[in-house]
Amino acid sequence: MGNVRTNRVGEEIKKELSQIIQRELKDPRIGFVTVTGVEVSGDLSQAKVFISIFGDEEKQSGTLKALEKAKGFMRTEIGRRVRLRHTPDLLFKVDESVEYGNRIETLLTKIHQEEGEDE
């Protein structure tokens, strides 16, 4: 039963964080960021926020630093919007599944092209 609640809280945090990052953070270091998922611990004390950042390694590190700096503001806003007794601590992680998927797709395309040349 508790698992359902953590999933619901995670989805609500994901929705609110996406809006906060897009509309309210004014830091120029923050580039094109997508919140891909949120995993909330069972006791709702921590939330791992998985983000996808468009750009090179330098852009990604700058965006992560800006998000870390704005963590307090985002946590306050989430506490106000989601109405939890204790707002979870936010831990930002870069979601590399998109890059991994693109790499696999590129490899598959290359294999199909090579098979087409052999015939």
C-alpha atoms as a PDB file:
ATOM      1  CA  MET A   1       0.000   0.000   0.000  1.00  0.00           C
ATOM      2  CA  GLY A   2       2.868   2.367   0.819  1.00  0.00           C
ATOM      3  CA  ASN A   3       4.405   1.722  -2.589  1.00  0.00           C
ATOM      4  CA  VAL A   4       1.350   3.209  -4.301  1.00  0.00           C
ATOM      5  CA  ARG A   5       1.670   6.359  -2.203  1.00  0.00           C
ATOM      6  CA  THR A   6       5.384   6.793  -2.950  1.00  0.00           C
ATOM      7  CA  ASN A   7       4.680   6.386  -6.665  1.00  0.00           C
ATOM      8  CA  ARG A   8       1.913   8.994  -6.532  1.00  0.00           C
ATOM      9  CA  VAL A   9       4.089  11.413  -4.560  1.00  0.00           C
ATOM     10  CA  GLY A  10       6.933  10.825  -7.038  1.00  0.00           C
ATOM     11  CA  GLU A  11       4.724  11.599 -10.026  1.00  0.00           C
ATOM     12  CA  GLU A  12       3.381  14.737  -8.360  1.00  0.00           C
ATOM     13  CA  ILE A  13       6.907  15.927  -7.547  1.00  0.00           C
ATOM     14  CA  LYS A  14       7.953  15.219 -11.145  1.00  0.00           C
ATOM     15  CA  LYS A  15       5.092  17.328 -12.499  1.00  0.00           C
ATOM     16  CA  GLU A  16       5.723  20.240 -10.149  1.00  0.00           C
ATOM     17  CA  LEU A  17       9.506  20.182 -10.626  1.00  0.00           C
ATOM     18  CA  SER A  18       9.087  20.308 -14.397  1.00  0.00           C
ATOM     19  CA  GLN A  19       6.940  23.421 -14.073  1.00  0.00           C
ATOM     20  CA  ILE A  20       9.296  25.058 -11.576  1.00  0.00           C
ATOM     21  CA  ILE A  21      12.380  24.460 -13.738  1.00  0.00           C
ATOM     22  CA  GLN A  22      10.682  25.683 -16.915  1.00  0.00           C
ATOM     23  CA  ARG A  23       8.854  28.724 -15.588  1.00  0.00           C
ATOM     24  CA  GLU A  24      10.407  29.958 -12.369  1.00  0.00           C
ATOM     25  CA  LEU A  25      14.158  29.356 -12.399  1.00  0.00           C
ATOM     26  CA  LYS A  26      15.927  32.282 -14.047  1.00  0.00           C
ATOM     27  CA  ASP A  27      19.528  30.991 -13.893  1.00  0.00           C
ATOM     28  CA  PRO A  28      21.161  31.325 -17.335  1.00  0.00           C
ATOM     29  CA  ARG A  29      23.234  28.158 -16.720  1.00  0.00           C
ATOM     30  CA  ILE A  30      20.089  26.040 -16.879  1.00  0.00           C
ATOM     31  CA  GLY A  31      19.680  24.799 -20.411  1.00  0.00           C
ATOM     32  CA  PHE A  32      17.075  22.515 -21.914  1.00  0.00           C
ATOM     33  CA  VAL A  33      16.204  20.186 -19.021  1.00  0.00           C
ATOM     34  CA  THR A  34      13.618  17.418 -18.893  1.00  0.00           C
ATOM     35  CA  VAL A  35      12.631  15.672 -15.669  1.00  0.00           C
ATOM     36  CA  THR A  36      12.410  12.031 -16.767  1.00  0.00           C
ATOM     37  CA  GLY A  37      11.568  10.438 -13.436  1.00  0.00           C
ATOM     38  CA  VAL A  38      11.462  10.715  -9.666  1.00  0.00           C
ATOM     39  CA  GLU A  39      12.107   7.863  -7.233  1.00  0.00           C
ATOM     40  CA  VAL A  40      10.941   8.601  -3.693  1.00  0.00           C
ATOM     41  CA  SER A  41      12.259   6.597  -0.755  1.00  0.00           C
ATOM     42  CA  GLY A  42       9.779   4.604   1.317  1.00  0.00           C
ATOM     43  CA  ASP A  43       9.818   7.077   4.208  1.00  0.00           C
ATOM     44  CA  LEU A  44       9.495  10.052   1.796  1.00  0.00           C
ATOM     45  CA  SER A  45      12.734  11.589   3.087  1.00  0.00           C
ATOM     46  CA  GLN A  46      14.623  11.571  -0.227  1.00  0.00           C
ATOM     47  CA  ALA A  47      13.679  11.929  -3.855  1.00  0.00           C
ATOM     48  CA  LYS A  48      16.081  10.994  -6.655  1.00  0.00           C
ATOM     49  CA  VAL A  49      15.268  13.279  -9.556  1.00  0.00           C
ATOM     50  CA  PHE A  50      16.406  11.924 -12.920  1.00  0.00           C
ATOM     51  CA  ILE A  51      16.974  14.648 -15.490  1.00  0.00           C
ATOM     52  CA  SER A  52      17.933  14.675 -19.129  1.00  0.00           C
ATOM     53  CA  ILE A  53      20.035  17.652 -20.216  1.00  0.00           C
ATOM     54  CA  PHE A  54      20.432  18.647 -23.846  1.00  0.00           C
ATOM     55  CA  GLY A  55      23.975  19.751 -24.645  1.00  0.00           C
ATOM     56  CA  ASP A  56      27.619  18.855 -24.217  1.00  0.00           C
ATOM     57  CA  GLU A  57      29.397  17.832 -21.013  1.00  0.00           C
ATOM     58  CA  GLU A  58      30.151  21.449 -20.033  1.00  0.00           C
ATOM     59  CA  LYS A  59      26.494  22.448 -20.427  1.00  0.00           C
ATOM     60  CA  GLN A  60      25.403  19.447 -18.348  1.00  0.00           C
ATOM     61  CA  SER A  61      27.774  20.235 -15.475  1.00  0.00           C
ATOM     62  CA  GLY A  62      26.704  23.902 -15.478  1.00  0.00           C
ATOM     63  CA  THR A  63      23.048  22.926 -15.385  1.00  0.00           C
ATOM     64  CA  LEU A  64      23.643  20.465 -12.519  1.00  0.00           C
ATOM     65  CA  LYS A  65      25.449  23.162 -10.508  1.00  0.00           C
ATOM     66  CA  ALA A  66      22.592  25.607 -11.095  1.00  0.00           C
ATOM     67  CA  LEU A  67      20.004  23.023 -10.044  1.00  0.00           C
ATOM     68  CA  GLU A  68      21.991  22.201  -6.892  1.00  0.00           C
ATOM     69  CA  LYS A  69      22.118  25.903  -6.043  1.00  0.00           C
ATOM     70  CA  ALA A  70      18.346  26.283  -6.553  1.00  0.00           C
ATOM     71  CA  LYS A  71      17.540  23.110  -4.595  1.00  0.00           C
ATOM     72  CA  GLY A  72      16.297  25.000  -1.523  1.00  0.00           C
ATOM     73  CA  PHE A  73      13.911  27.146  -3.561  1.00  0.00           C
ATOM     74  CA  MET A  74      12.571  24.102  -5.445  1.00  0.00           C
ATOM     75  CA  ARG A  75      12.113  22.154  -2.223  1.00  0.00           C
ATOM     76  CA  THR A  76      10.183  25.057  -0.669  1.00  0.00           C
ATOM     77  CA  GLU A  77       7.952  25.331  -3.737  1.00  0.00           C
ATOM     78  CA  ILE A  78       7.292  21.579  -3.783  1.00  0.00           C
ATOM     79  CA  GLY A  79       6.388  21.690  -0.076  1.00  0.00           C
ATOM     80  CA  ARG A  80       3.926  24.473  -0.777  1.00  0.00           C
ATOM     81  CA  ARG A  81       2.364  22.832  -3.840  1.00  0.00           C
ATOM     82  CA  VAL A  82       2.264  19.134  -2.908  1.00  0.00           C
ATOM     83  CA  ARG A  83       1.248  19.562   0.759  1.00  0.00           C
ATOM     84  CA  LEU A  84       3.478  17.022   2.480  1.00  0.00           C
ATOM     85  CA  ARG A  85       4.328  17.110   6.165  1.00  0.00           C
ATOM     86  CA  HIS A  86       8.043  16.734   5.328  1.00  0.00           C
ATOM     87  CA  THR A  87       9.303  17.667   1.886  1.00  0.00           C
ATOM     88  CA  PRO A  88      11.844  15.138   0.588  1.00  0.00           C
ATOM     89  CA  ASP A  89      15.466  16.116   0.010  1.00  0.00           C
ATOM     90  CA  LEU A  90      16.172  16.369  -3.733  1.00  0.00           C
ATOM     91  CA  LEU A  91      19.068  14.438  -5.270  1.00  0.00           C
ATOM     92  CA  PHE A  92      19.678  15.213  -8.943  1.00  0.00           C
ATOM     93  CA  LYS A  93      20.984  12.450 -11.220  1.00  0.00           C
ATOM     94  CA  VAL A  94      21.623  12.693 -14.948  1.00  0.00           C
ATOM     95  CA  ASP A  95      19.438  10.175 -16.783  1.00  0.00           C
ATOM     96  CA  GLU A  96      21.652   8.550 -19.389  1.00  0.00           C
ATOM     97  CA  SER A  97      19.012   6.169 -20.724  1.00  0.00           C
ATOM     98  CA  VAL A  98      18.195   8.531 -23.610  1.00  0.00           C
ATOM     99  CA  GLU A  99      21.845   8.609 -24.722  1.00  0.00           C
ATOM    100  CA  TYR A 100      22.042   4.832 -24.326  1.00  0.00           C
ATOM    101  CA  GLY A 101      18.918   4.369 -26.459  1.00  0.00           C
ATOM    102  CA  ASN A 102      20.291   6.678 -29.154  1.00  0.00           C
ATOM    103  CA  ARG A 103      23.563   4.742 -29.212  1.00  0.00           C
ATOM    104  CA  ILE A 104      21.737   1.424 -29.646  1.00  0.00           C
ATOM    105  CA  GLU A 105      19.587   2.887 -32.416  1.00  0.00           C
ATOM    106  CA  THR A 106      22.694   4.156 -34.226  1.00  0.00           C
ATOM    107  CA  LEU A 107      24.336   0.737 -33.976  1.00  0.00           C
ATOM    108  CA  LEU A 108      21.210  -1.007 -35.276  1.00  0.00           C
ATOM    109  CA  THR A 109      20.968   1.420 -38.205  1.00  0.00           C
ATOM    110  CA  LYS A 110      24.625   0.781 -39.027  1.00  0.00           C
ATOM    111  CA  ILE A 111      24.057  -2.994 -38.961  1.00  0.00           C
ATOM    112  CA  HIS A 112      21.041  -2.716 -41.276  1.00  0.00           C
ATOM    113  CA  GLN A 113      23.020  -0.569 -43.715  1.00  0.00           C
ATOM    114  CA  GLU A 114      25.883  -3.075 -43.757  1.00  0.00           C
ATOM    115  CA  GLU A 115      23.450  -5.944 -44.377  1.00  0.00           C
ATOM    116  CA  GLY A 116      21.922  -3.999 -47.268  1.00  0.00           C
ATOM    117  CA  GLU A 117      25.370  -3.520 -48.853  1.00  0.00           C
ATOM    118  CA  ASP A 118      26.206  -7.226 -48.582  1.00  0.00           C
ATOM    119  CA  GLU A 119      23.165  -8.328 -50.580  1.00  0.00           C
END
